[in-house]
């Protein structure tokens, strides 16, 4: 089933809106709970090693899921190419995100 461009645009904008609202809600809850931006930053600094492990686990699981998809679609060349493109895009996004953290 082919999706209309309007549906794709609306779902993309809807996803972006949900992400922005979630980030705003988390920031507001953190600011309310901790009182100030400095306390919020100090709390993040104290849990930084745990967040590093969390990111490593997240990236490893995403890679494992991508590898499984690639293995499943090995007999369908168009599908395999699509999964490879998604993997390449994910790797580029991962690299950009990690480079901004330096």
PDB file of N, CA and C in Angstrom:
ATOM      1  N   UNK A   1       0.841  -1.180   0.000  1.00  0.00           N
ATOM      2  CA  UNK A   1       0.000   0.000   0.000  1.00  0.00           C
ATOM      3  C   UNK A   1       0.885   1.242   0.000  1.00  0.00           C
ATOM      4  N   UNK A   2       0.647   2.100  -0.947  1.00  0.00           N
ATOM      5  CA  UNK A   2       1.433   3.326  -1.079  1.00  0.00           C
ATOM      6  C   UNK A   2       0.825   4.416  -0.200  1.00  0.00           C
ATOM      7  N   UNK A   3       1.676   5.071   0.558  1.00  0.00           N
ATOM      8  CA  UNK A   3       1.204   6.169   1.413  1.00  0.00           C
ATOM      9  C   UNK A   3       1.219   7.476   0.632  1.00  0.00           C
ATOM     10  N   UNK A   4       0.279   8.316   0.969  1.00  0.00           N
ATOM     11  CA  UNK A   4       0.249   9.614   0.300  1.00  0.00           C
ATOM     12  C   UNK A   4       1.323  10.521   0.911  1.00  0.00           C
ATOM     13  N   UNK A   5       1.827  11.461   0.134  1.00  0.00           N
ATOM     14  CA  UNK A   5       2.837  12.387   0.670  1.00  0.00           C
ATOM     15  C   UNK A   5       2.304  13.224   1.837  1.00  0.00           C
ATOM     16  N   UNK A   6       1.006  13.525   1.797  1.00  0.00           N
ATOM     17  CA  UNK A   6       0.415  14.295   2.885  1.00  0.00           C
ATOM     18  C   UNK A   6       0.422  13.501   4.189  1.00  0.00           C
ATOM     19  N   UNK A   7       0.118  12.207   4.105  1.00  0.00           N
ATOM     20  CA  UNK A   7       0.165  11.355   5.293  1.00  0.00           C
ATOM     21  C   UNK A   7       1.575  11.274   5.846  1.00  0.00           C
ATOM     22  N   UNK A   8       2.557  11.122   4.962  1.00  0.00           N
ATOM     23  CA  UNK A   8       3.957  11.051   5.389  1.00  0.00           C
ATOM     24  C   UNK A   8       4.377  12.350   6.070  1.00  0.00           C
ATOM     25  N   UNK A   9       3.993  13.468   5.496  1.00  0.00           N
ATOM     26  CA  UNK A   9       4.322  14.769   6.084  1.00  0.00           C
ATOM     27  C   UNK A   9       3.667  14.933   7.448  1.00  0.00           C
ATOM     28  N   UNK A  10       2.385  14.598   7.530  1.00  0.00           N
ATOM     29  CA  UNK A  10       1.679  14.740   8.813  1.00  0.00           C
ATOM     30  C   UNK A  10       2.240  13.814   9.879  1.00  0.00           C
ATOM     31  N   UNK A  11       2.567  12.580   9.518  1.00  0.00           N
ATOM     32  CA  UNK A  11       3.114  11.671  10.528  1.00  0.00           C
ATOM     33  C   UNK A  11       4.502  12.125  10.967  1.00  0.00           C
ATOM     34  N   UNK A  12       5.312  12.641  10.051  1.00  0.00           N
ATOM     35  CA  UNK A  12       6.620  13.168  10.422  1.00  0.00           C
ATOM     36  C   UNK A  12       6.512  14.377  11.339  1.00  0.00           C
ATOM     37  N   UNK A  13       5.619  15.289  11.010  1.00  0.00           N
ATOM     38  CA  UNK A  13       5.404  16.465  11.867  1.00  0.00           C
ATOM     39  C   UNK A  13       4.824  16.060  13.219  1.00  0.00           C
ATOM     40  N   UNK A  14       3.953  15.068  13.208  1.00  0.00           N
ATOM     41  CA  UNK A  14       3.391  14.578  14.471  1.00  0.00           C
ATOM     42  C   UNK A  14       4.464  13.960  15.358  1.00  0.00           C
ATOM     43  N   UNK A  15       5.345  13.160  14.766  1.00  0.00           N
ATOM     44  CA  UNK A  15       6.440  12.572  15.541  1.00  0.00           C
ATOM     45  C   UNK A  15       7.361  13.643  16.102  1.00  0.00           C
ATOM     46  N   UNK A  16       7.701  14.634  15.287  1.00  0.00           N
ATOM     47  CA  UNK A  16       8.568  15.724  15.753  1.00  0.00           C
ATOM     48  C   UNK A  16       7.898  16.499  16.888  1.00  0.00           C
ATOM     49  N   UNK A  17       6.600  16.745  16.768  1.00  0.00           N
ATOM     50  CA  UNK A  17       5.872  17.463  17.819  1.00  0.00           C
ATOM     51  C   UNK A  17       5.860  16.676  19.116  1.00  0.00           C
ATOM     52  N   UNK A  18       5.630  15.379  19.035  1.00  0.00           N
ATOM     53  CA  UNK A  18       5.624  14.537  20.236  1.00  0.00           C
ATOM     54  C   UNK A  18       7.009  14.542  20.893  1.00  0.00           C
ATOM     55  N   UNK A  19       8.072  14.471  20.096  1.00  0.00           N
ATOM     56  CA  UNK A  19       9.421  14.484  20.660  1.00  0.00           C
ATOM     57  C   UNK A  19       9.735  15.803  21.354  1.00  0.00           C
ATOM     58  N   UNK A  20       9.359  16.908  20.720  1.00  0.00           N
ATOM     59  CA  UNK A  20       9.619  18.220  21.316  1.00  0.00           C
ATOM     60  C   UNK A  20       8.816  18.395  22.597  1.00  0.00           C
ATOM     61  N   UNK A  21       7.559  17.983  22.586  1.00  0.00           N
ATOM     62  CA  UNK A  21       6.737  18.091  23.797  1.00  0.00           C
ATOM     63  C   UNK A  21       7.267  17.198  24.916  1.00  0.00           C
ATOM     64  N   UNK A  22       7.733  16.006  24.581  1.00  0.00           N
ATOM     65  CA  UNK A  22       8.308  15.117  25.587  1.00  0.00           C
ATOM     66  C   UNK A  22       9.570  15.711  26.182  1.00  0.00           C
ATOM     67  N   UNK A  23      10.441  16.261  25.332  1.00  0.00           N
ATOM     68  CA  UNK A  23      11.667  16.894  25.838  1.00  0.00           C
ATOM     69  C   UNK A  23      11.342  18.082  26.727  1.00  0.00           C
ATOM     70  N   UNK A  24      10.353  18.856  26.337  1.00  0.00           N
ATOM     71  CA  UNK A  24       9.939  20.009  27.150  1.00  0.00           C
ATOM     72  C   UNK A  24       9.383  19.546  28.492  1.00  0.00           C
ATOM     73  N   UNK A  25       8.581  18.503  28.472  1.00  0.00           N
ATOM     74  CA  UNK A  25       8.015  17.974  29.712  1.00  0.00           C
ATOM     75  C   UNK A  25       9.104  17.454  30.642  1.00  0.00           C
ATOM     76  N   UNK A  26      10.058  16.722  30.100  1.00  0.00           N
ATOM     77  CA  UNK A  26      11.161  16.201  30.918  1.00  0.00           C
ATOM     78  C   UNK A  26      11.976  17.344  31.509  1.00  0.00           C
ATOM     79  N   UNK A  27      12.261  18.375  30.703  1.00  0.00           N
ATOM     80  CA  UNK A  27      13.017  19.526  31.211  1.00  0.00           C
ATOM     81  C   UNK A  27      12.229  20.261  32.301  1.00  0.00           C
ATOM     82  N   UNK A  28      10.934  20.412  32.101  1.00  0.00           N
ATOM     83  CA  UNK A  28      10.114  21.103  33.100  1.00  0.00           C
ATOM     84  C   UNK A  28      10.055  20.303  34.405  1.00  0.00           C
ATOM     85  N   UNK A  29       9.870  18.979  34.308  1.00  0.00           N
ATOM     86  CA  UNK A  29       9.829  18.137  35.507  1.00  0.00           C
ATOM     87  C   UNK A  29      11.170  18.193  36.235  1.00  0.00           C
ATOM     88  N   UNK A  30      12.265  18.101  35.475  1.00  0.00           N
ATOM     89  CA  UNK A  30      13.589  18.173  36.090  1.00  0.00           C
ATOM     90  C   UNK A  30      13.841  19.506  36.752  1.00  0.00           C
ATOM     91  N   UNK A  31      13.444  20.586  36.095  1.00  0.00           N
ATOM     92  CA  UNK A  31      13.628  21.921  36.677  1.00  0.00           C
ATOM     93  C   UNK A  31      12.780  22.088  37.929  1.00  0.00           C
ATOM     94  N   UNK A  32      11.563  21.570  37.896  1.00  0.00           N
ATOM     95  CA  UNK A  32      10.677  21.661  39.061  1.00  0.00           C
ATOM     96  C   UNK A  32      11.200  20.806  40.211  1.00  0.00           C
ATOM     97  N   UNK A  33      11.674  19.617  39.911  1.00  0.00           N
ATOM     98  CA  UNK A  33      12.133  18.710  40.962  1.00  0.00           C
ATOM     99  C   UNK A  33      13.448  19.162  41.582  1.00  0.00           C
ATOM    100  N   UNK A  34      14.358  19.679  40.770  1.00  0.00           N
ATOM    101  CA  UNK A  34      15.686  20.023  41.275  1.00  0.00           C
ATOM    102  C   UNK A  34      15.844  21.495  41.607  1.00  0.00           C
ATOM    103  N   UNK A  35      14.988  22.334  41.099  1.00  0.00           N
ATOM    104  CA  UNK A  35      14.997  23.726  41.517  1.00  0.00           C
ATOM    105  C   UNK A  35      15.741  24.681  40.608  1.00  0.00           C
ATOM    106  N   UNK A  36      16.863  24.292  40.047  1.00  0.00           N
ATOM    107  CA  UNK A  36      17.608  25.217  39.209  1.00  0.00           C
ATOM    108  C   UNK A  36      18.326  24.467  38.085  1.00  0.00           C
ATOM    109  N   UNK A  37      18.786  25.222  37.132  1.00  0.00           N
ATOM    110  CA  UNK A  37      19.497  24.629  36.010  1.00  0.00           C
ATOM    111  C   UNK A  37      20.840  24.044  36.447  1.00  0.00           C
ATOM    112  N   UNK A  38      21.485  24.679  37.403  1.00  0.00           N
ATOM    113  CA  UNK A  38      22.776  24.181  37.887  1.00  0.00           C
ATOM    114  C   UNK A  38      22.613  22.823  38.578  1.00  0.00           C
ATOM    115  N   UNK A  39      21.560  22.671  39.362  1.00  0.00           N
ATOM    116  CA  UNK A  39      21.298  21.390  40.026  1.00  0.00           C
ATOM    117  C   UNK A  39      20.980  20.303  38.992  1.00  0.00           C
ATOM    118  N   UNK A  40      20.254  20.683  37.951  1.00  0.00           N
ATOM    119  CA  UNK A  40      19.925  19.755  36.871  1.00  0.00           C
ATOM    120  C   UNK A  40      21.209  19.285  36.178  1.00  0.00           C
ATOM    121  N   UNK A  41      22.109  20.235  35.903  1.00  0.00           N
ATOM    122  CA  UNK A  41      23.374  19.897  35.257  1.00  0.00           C
ATOM    123  C   UNK A  41      24.243  19.030  36.172  1.00  0.00           C
ATOM    124  N   UNK A  42      24.267  19.330  37.455  1.00  0.00           N
ATOM    125  CA  UNK A  42      25.050  18.546  38.410  1.00  0.00           C
ATOM    126  C   UNK A  42      24.502  17.109  38.511  1.00  0.00           C
ATOM    127  N   UNK A  43      23.194  16.970  38.467  1.00  0.00           N
ATOM    128  CA  UNK A  43      22.594  15.632  38.509  1.00  0.00           C
ATOM    129  C   UNK A  43      22.993  14.825  37.275  1.00  0.00           C
ATOM    130  N   UNK A  44      23.005  15.468  36.110  1.00  0.00           N
ATOM    131  CA  UNK A  44      23.444  14.768  34.902  1.00  0.00           C
ATOM    132  C   UNK A  44      24.917  14.383  34.970  1.00  0.00           C
ATOM    133  N   UNK A  45      25.746  15.259  35.517  1.00  0.00           N
ATOM    134  CA  UNK A  45      27.172  14.950  35.640  1.00  0.00           C
ATOM    135  C   UNK A  45      27.405  13.767  36.576  1.00  0.00           C
ATOM    136  N   UNK A  46      26.582  13.636  37.602  1.00  0.00           N
ATOM    137  CA  UNK A  46      26.777  12.552  38.554  1.00  0.00           C
ATOM    138  C   UNK A  46      26.378  11.187  37.981  1.00  0.00           C
ATOM    139  N   UNK A  47      25.480  11.173  37.001  1.00  0.00           N
ATOM    140  CA  UNK A  47      25.055   9.894  36.416  1.00  0.00           C
ATOM    141  C   UNK A  47      25.645   9.659  35.026  1.00  0.00           C
ATOM    142  N   UNK A  48      26.621  10.456  34.641  1.00  0.00           N
ATOM    143  CA  UNK A  48      27.213  10.358  33.312  1.00  0.00           C
ATOM    144  C   UNK A  48      27.753   8.957  32.977  1.00  0.00           C
ATOM    145  N   UNK A  49      28.469   8.264  33.885  1.00  0.00           N
ATOM    146  CA  UNK A  49      28.938   6.914  33.527  1.00  0.00           C
ATOM    147  C   UNK A  49      27.791   5.942  33.219  1.00  0.00           C
ATOM    148  N   UNK A  50      26.696   6.061  33.964  1.00  0.00           N
ATOM    149  CA  UNK A  50      25.557   5.183  33.711  1.00  0.00           C
ATOM    150  C   UNK A  50      24.913   5.499  32.365  1.00  0.00           C
ATOM    151  N   UNK A  51      24.859   6.777  32.010  1.00  0.00           N
ATOM    152  CA  UNK A  51      24.305   7.154  30.710  1.00  0.00           C
ATOM    153  C   UNK A  51      25.197   6.664  29.571  1.00  0.00           C
ATOM    154  N   UNK A  52      26.498   6.619  29.799  1.00  0.00           N
ATOM    155  CA  UNK A  52      27.422   6.102  28.784  1.00  0.00           C
ATOM    156  C   UNK A  52      27.139   4.624  28.518  1.00  0.00           C
ATOM    157  N   UNK A  53      26.947   3.866  29.602  1.00  0.00           N
ATOM    158  CA  UNK A  53      26.625   2.442  29.434  1.00  0.00           C
ATOM    159  C   UNK A  53      25.264   2.268  28.774  1.00  0.00           C
ATOM    160  N   UNK A  54      24.324   3.124  29.124  1.00  0.00           N
ATOM    161  CA  UNK A  54      22.998   3.060  28.528  1.00  0.00           C
ATOM    162  C   UNK A  54      23.080   3.312  27.019  1.00  0.00           C
ATOM    163  N   UNK A  55      23.863   4.315  26.610  1.00  0.00           N
ATOM    164  CA  UNK A  55      24.017   4.592  25.185  1.00  0.00           C
ATOM    165  C   UNK A  55      24.670   3.420  24.469  1.00  0.00           C
ATOM    166  N   UNK A  56      25.693   2.844  25.084  1.00  0.00           N
ATOM    167  CA  UNK A  56      26.364   1.693  24.469  1.00  0.00           C
ATOM    168  C   UNK A  56      25.390   0.523  24.294  1.00  0.00           C
ATOM    169  N   UNK A  57      24.578   0.272  25.298  1.00  0.00           N
ATOM    170  CA  UNK A  57      23.584  -0.802  25.211  1.00  0.00           C
ATOM    171  C   UNK A  57      22.536  -0.497  24.144  1.00  0.00           C
ATOM    172  N   UNK A  58      22.092   0.741  24.077  1.00  0.00           N
ATOM    173  CA  UNK A  58      21.110   1.148  23.075  1.00  0.00           C
ATOM    174  C   UNK A  58      21.655   0.973  21.664  1.00  0.00           C
ATOM    175  N   UNK A  59      22.876   1.442  21.420  1.00  0.00           N
ATOM    176  CA  UNK A  59      23.460   1.331  20.083  1.00  0.00           C
ATOM    177  C   UNK A  59      23.719  -0.123  19.717  1.00  0.00           C
ATOM    178  N   UNK A  60      24.115  -0.930  20.676  1.00  0.00           N
ATOM    179  CA  UNK A  60      24.347  -2.344  20.407  1.00  0.00           C
ATOM    180  C   UNK A  60      23.045  -3.051  20.042  1.00  0.00           C
ATOM    181  N   UNK A  61      21.985  -2.755  20.758  1.00  0.00           N
ATOM    182  CA  UNK A  61      20.703  -3.401  20.455  1.00  0.00           C
ATOM    183  C   UNK A  61      20.154  -2.927  19.108  1.00  0.00           C
ATOM    184  N   UNK A  62      20.323  -1.649  18.777  1.00  0.00           N
ATOM    185  CA  UNK A  62      19.876  -1.172  17.464  1.00  0.00           C
ATOM    186  C   UNK A  62      20.660  -1.844  16.339  1.00  0.00           C
ATOM    187  N   UNK A  63      21.968  -2.017  16.538  1.00  0.00           N
ATOM    188  CA  UNK A  63      22.778  -2.699  15.533  1.00  0.00           C
ATOM    189  C   UNK A  63      22.331  -4.156  15.386  1.00  0.00           C
ATOM    190  N   UNK A  64      22.050  -4.818  16.505  1.00  0.00           N
ATOM    191  CA  UNK A  64      21.604  -6.214  16.444  1.00  0.00           C
ATOM    192  C   UNK A  64      20.268  -6.330  15.715  1.00  0.00           C
ATOM    193  N   UNK A  65      19.345  -5.406  15.946  1.00  0.00           N
ATOM    194  CA  UNK A  65      18.066  -5.420  15.232  1.00  0.00           C
ATOM    195  C   UNK A  65      18.263  -5.182  13.737  1.00  0.00           C
ATOM    196  N   UNK A  66      19.141  -4.232  13.388  1.00  0.00           N
ATOM    197  CA  UNK A  66      19.414  -3.963  11.982  1.00  0.00           C
ATOM    198  C   UNK A  66      20.034  -5.186  11.307  1.00  0.00           C
ATOM    199  N   UNK A  67      20.978  -5.829  11.992  1.00  0.00           N
ATOM    200  CA  UNK A  67      21.630  -7.013  11.437  1.00  0.00           C
ATOM    201  C   UNK A  67      20.611  -8.135  11.210  1.00  0.00           C
ATOM    202  N   UNK A  68      19.669  -8.289  12.140  1.00  0.00           N
ATOM    203  CA  UNK A  68      18.627  -9.296  11.998  1.00  0.00           C
ATOM    204  C   UNK A  68      17.733  -8.990  10.792  1.00  0.00           C
ATOM    205  N   UNK A  69      17.372  -7.719  10.611  1.00  0.00           N
ATOM    206  CA  UNK A  69      16.582  -7.333   9.440  1.00  0.00           C
ATOM    207  C   UNK A  69      17.340  -7.615   8.145  1.00  0.00           C
ATOM    208  N   UNK A  70      18.617  -7.297   8.148  1.00  0.00           N
ATOM    209  CA  UNK A  70      19.432  -7.528   6.967  1.00  0.00           C
ATOM    210  C   UNK A  70      19.488  -9.022   6.638  1.00  0.00           C
ATOM    211  N   UNK A  71      19.589  -9.841   7.660  1.00  0.00           N
ATOM    212  CA  UNK A  71      19.642 -11.290   7.475  1.00  0.00           C
ATOM    213  C   UNK A  71      18.295 -11.830   6.958  1.00  0.00           C
ATOM    214  N   UNK A  72      17.203 -11.279   7.468  1.00  0.00           N
ATOM    215  CA  UNK A  72      15.873 -11.742   7.052  1.00  0.00           C
ATOM    216  C   UNK A  72      15.570 -11.415   5.597  1.00  0.00           C
ATOM    217  N   UNK A  73      16.037 -10.254   5.146  1.00  0.00           N
ATOM    218  CA  UNK A  73      15.738  -9.814   3.786  1.00  0.00           C
ATOM    219  C   UNK A  73      16.862 -10.118   2.810  1.00  0.00           C
ATOM    220  N   UNK A  74      17.646 -11.146   3.056  1.00  0.00           N
ATOM    221  CA  UNK A  74      18.785 -11.429   2.181  1.00  0.00           C
ATOM    222  C   UNK A  74      18.356 -11.948   0.811  1.00  0.00           C
ATOM    223  N   UNK A  75      17.128 -12.459   0.700  1.00  0.00           N
ATOM    224  CA  UNK A  75      16.684 -13.005  -0.585  1.00  0.00           C
ATOM    225  C   UNK A  75      15.935 -11.980  -1.427  1.00  0.00           C
ATOM    226  N   UNK A  76      15.537 -10.881  -0.861  1.00  0.00           N
ATOM    227  CA  UNK A  76      14.831  -9.849  -1.621  1.00  0.00           C
ATOM    228  C   UNK A  76      15.738  -8.650  -1.861  1.00  0.00           C
ATOM    229  N   UNK A  77      16.349  -8.540  -3.053  1.00  0.00           N
ATOM    230  CA  UNK A  77      17.310  -7.456  -3.308  1.00  0.00           C
ATOM    231  C   UNK A  77      16.775  -6.045  -3.056  1.00  0.00           C
ATOM    232  N   UNK A  78      15.527  -5.703  -3.476  1.00  0.00           N
ATOM    233  CA  UNK A  78      15.065  -4.333  -3.186  1.00  0.00           C
ATOM    234  C   UNK A  78      14.912  -4.077  -1.685  1.00  0.00           C
ATOM    235  N   UNK A  79      14.402  -5.084  -0.970  1.00  0.00           N
ATOM    236  CA  UNK A  79      14.231  -4.923   0.476  1.00  0.00           C
ATOM    237  C   UNK A  79      15.579  -4.852   1.175  1.00  0.00           C
ATOM    238  N   UNK A  80      16.519  -5.658   0.739  1.00  0.00           N
ATOM    239  CA  UNK A  80      17.853  -5.658   1.329  1.00  0.00           C
ATOM    240  C   UNK A  80      18.530  -4.308   1.112  1.00  0.00           C
ATOM    241  N   UNK A  81      18.361  -3.747  -0.077  1.00  0.00           N
ATOM    242  CA  UNK A  81      18.939  -2.431  -0.357  1.00  0.00           C
ATOM    243  C   UNK A  81      18.311  -1.365   0.540  1.00  0.00           C
ATOM    244  N   UNK A  82      17.014  -1.465   0.754  1.00  0.00           N
ATOM    245  CA  UNK A  82      16.323  -0.508   1.623  1.00  0.00           C
ATOM    246  C   UNK A  82      16.838  -0.615   3.058  1.00  0.00           C
ATOM    247  N   UNK A  83      17.035  -1.846   3.544  1.00  0.00           N
ATOM    248  CA  UNK A  83      17.556  -2.039   4.905  1.00  0.00           C
ATOM    249  C   UNK A  83      18.985  -1.506   5.010  1.00  0.00           C
ATOM    250  N   UNK A  84      19.782  -1.699   3.959  1.00  0.00           N
ATOM    251  CA  UNK A  84      21.147  -1.160   3.960  1.00  0.00           C
ATOM    252  C   UNK A  84      21.131   0.363   4.004  1.00  0.00           C
ATOM    253  N   UNK A  85      20.223   0.977   3.259  1.00  0.00           N
ATOM    254  CA  UNK A  85      20.122   2.448   3.274  1.00  0.00           C
ATOM    255  C   UNK A  85      19.719   2.950   4.658  1.00  0.00           C
ATOM    256  N   UNK A  86      18.778   2.264   5.270  1.00  0.00           N
ATOM    257  CA  UNK A  86      18.360   2.647   6.623  1.00  0.00           C
ATOM    258  C   UNK A  86      19.526   2.511   7.585  1.00  0.00           C
ATOM    259  N   UNK A  87      20.298   1.444   7.456  1.00  0.00           N
ATOM    260  CA  UNK A  87      21.471   1.248   8.302  1.00  0.00           C
ATOM    261  C   UNK A  87      22.516   2.318   8.092  1.00  0.00           C
ATOM    262  N   UNK A  88      22.733   2.701   6.840  1.00  0.00           N
ATOM    263  CA  UNK A  88      23.699   3.761   6.538  1.00  0.00           C
ATOM    264  C   UNK A  88      23.242   5.090   7.123  1.00  0.00           C
ATOM    265  N   UNK A  89      21.967   5.396   6.980  1.00  0.00           N
ATOM    266  CA  UNK A  89      21.426   6.624   7.556  1.00  0.00           C
ATOM    267  C   UNK A  89      21.563   6.604   9.076  1.00  0.00           C
ATOM    268  N   UNK A  90      21.270   5.459   9.683  1.00  0.00           N
ATOM    269  CA  UNK A  90      21.417   5.343  11.136  1.00  0.00           C
ATOM    270  C   UNK A  90      22.853   5.532  11.582  1.00  0.00           C
ATOM    271  N   UNK A  91      23.799   4.989  10.833  1.00  0.00           N
ATOM    272  CA  UNK A  91      25.213   5.154  11.167  1.00  0.00           C
ATOM    273  C   UNK A  91      25.644   6.608  11.046  1.00  0.00           C
ATOM    274  N   UNK A  92      25.168   7.293  10.013  1.00  0.00           N
ATOM    275  CA  UNK A  92      25.496   8.716   9.849  1.00  0.00           C
ATOM    276  C   UNK A  92      24.906   9.527  10.994  1.00  0.00           C
ATOM    277  N   UNK A  93      23.650   9.263  11.351  1.00  0.00           N
ATOM    278  CA  UNK A  93      23.028   9.985  12.471  1.00  0.00           C
ATOM    279  C   UNK A  93      23.742   9.692  13.783  1.00  0.00           C
ATOM    280  N   UNK A  94      24.100   8.431  14.009  1.00  0.00           N
ATOM    281  CA  UNK A  94      24.836   8.046  15.203  1.00  0.00           C
ATOM    282  C   UNK A  94      26.167   8.798  15.274  1.00  0.00           C
ATOM    283  N   UNK A  95      26.882   8.856  14.158  1.00  0.00           N
ATOM    284  CA  UNK A  95      28.160   9.566  14.124  1.00  0.00           C
ATOM    285  C   UNK A  95      27.984  11.047  14.406  1.00  0.00           C
ATOM    286  N   UNK A  96      26.967  11.654  13.809  1.00  0.00           N
ATOM    287  CA  UNK A  96      26.710  13.082  14.055  1.00  0.00           C
ATOM    288  C   UNK A  96      26.384  13.342  15.528  1.00  0.00           C
ATOM    289  N   UNK A  97      25.542  12.502  16.103  1.00  0.00           N
ATOM    290  CA  UNK A  97      25.164  12.689  17.514  1.00  0.00           C
ATOM    291  C   UNK A  97      26.378  12.543  18.416  1.00  0.00           C
ATOM    292  N   UNK A  98      27.189  11.536  18.166  1.00  0.00           N
ATOM    293  CA  UNK A  98      28.354  11.310  19.035  1.00  0.00           C
ATOM    294  C   UNK A  98      29.430  12.372  18.823  1.00  0.00           C
ATOM    295  N   UNK A  99      29.562  12.893  17.614  1.00  0.00           N
ATOM    296  CA  UNK A  99      30.548  13.955  17.378  1.00  0.00           C
ATOM    297  C   UNK A  99      30.135  15.265  18.047  1.00  0.00           C
ATOM    298  N   UNK A 100      28.838  15.510  18.174  1.00  0.00           N
ATOM    299  CA  UNK A 100      28.403  16.725  18.859  1.00  0.00           C
ATOM    300  C   UNK A 100      28.616  16.631  20.362  1.00  0.00           C
ATOM    301  N   UNK A 101      28.866  15.434  20.872  1.00  0.00           N
ATOM    302  CA  UNK A 101      29.082  15.255  22.309  1.00  0.00           C
ATOM    303  C   UNK A 101      30.538  15.461  22.712  1.00  0.00           C
ATOM    304  N   UNK A 102      31.444  15.651  21.735  1.00  0.00           N
ATOM    305  CA  UNK A 102      32.862  15.814  22.059  1.00  0.00           C
ATOM    306  C   UNK A 102      33.142  17.130  22.749  1.00  0.00           C
TER     307      UNK A 102
END
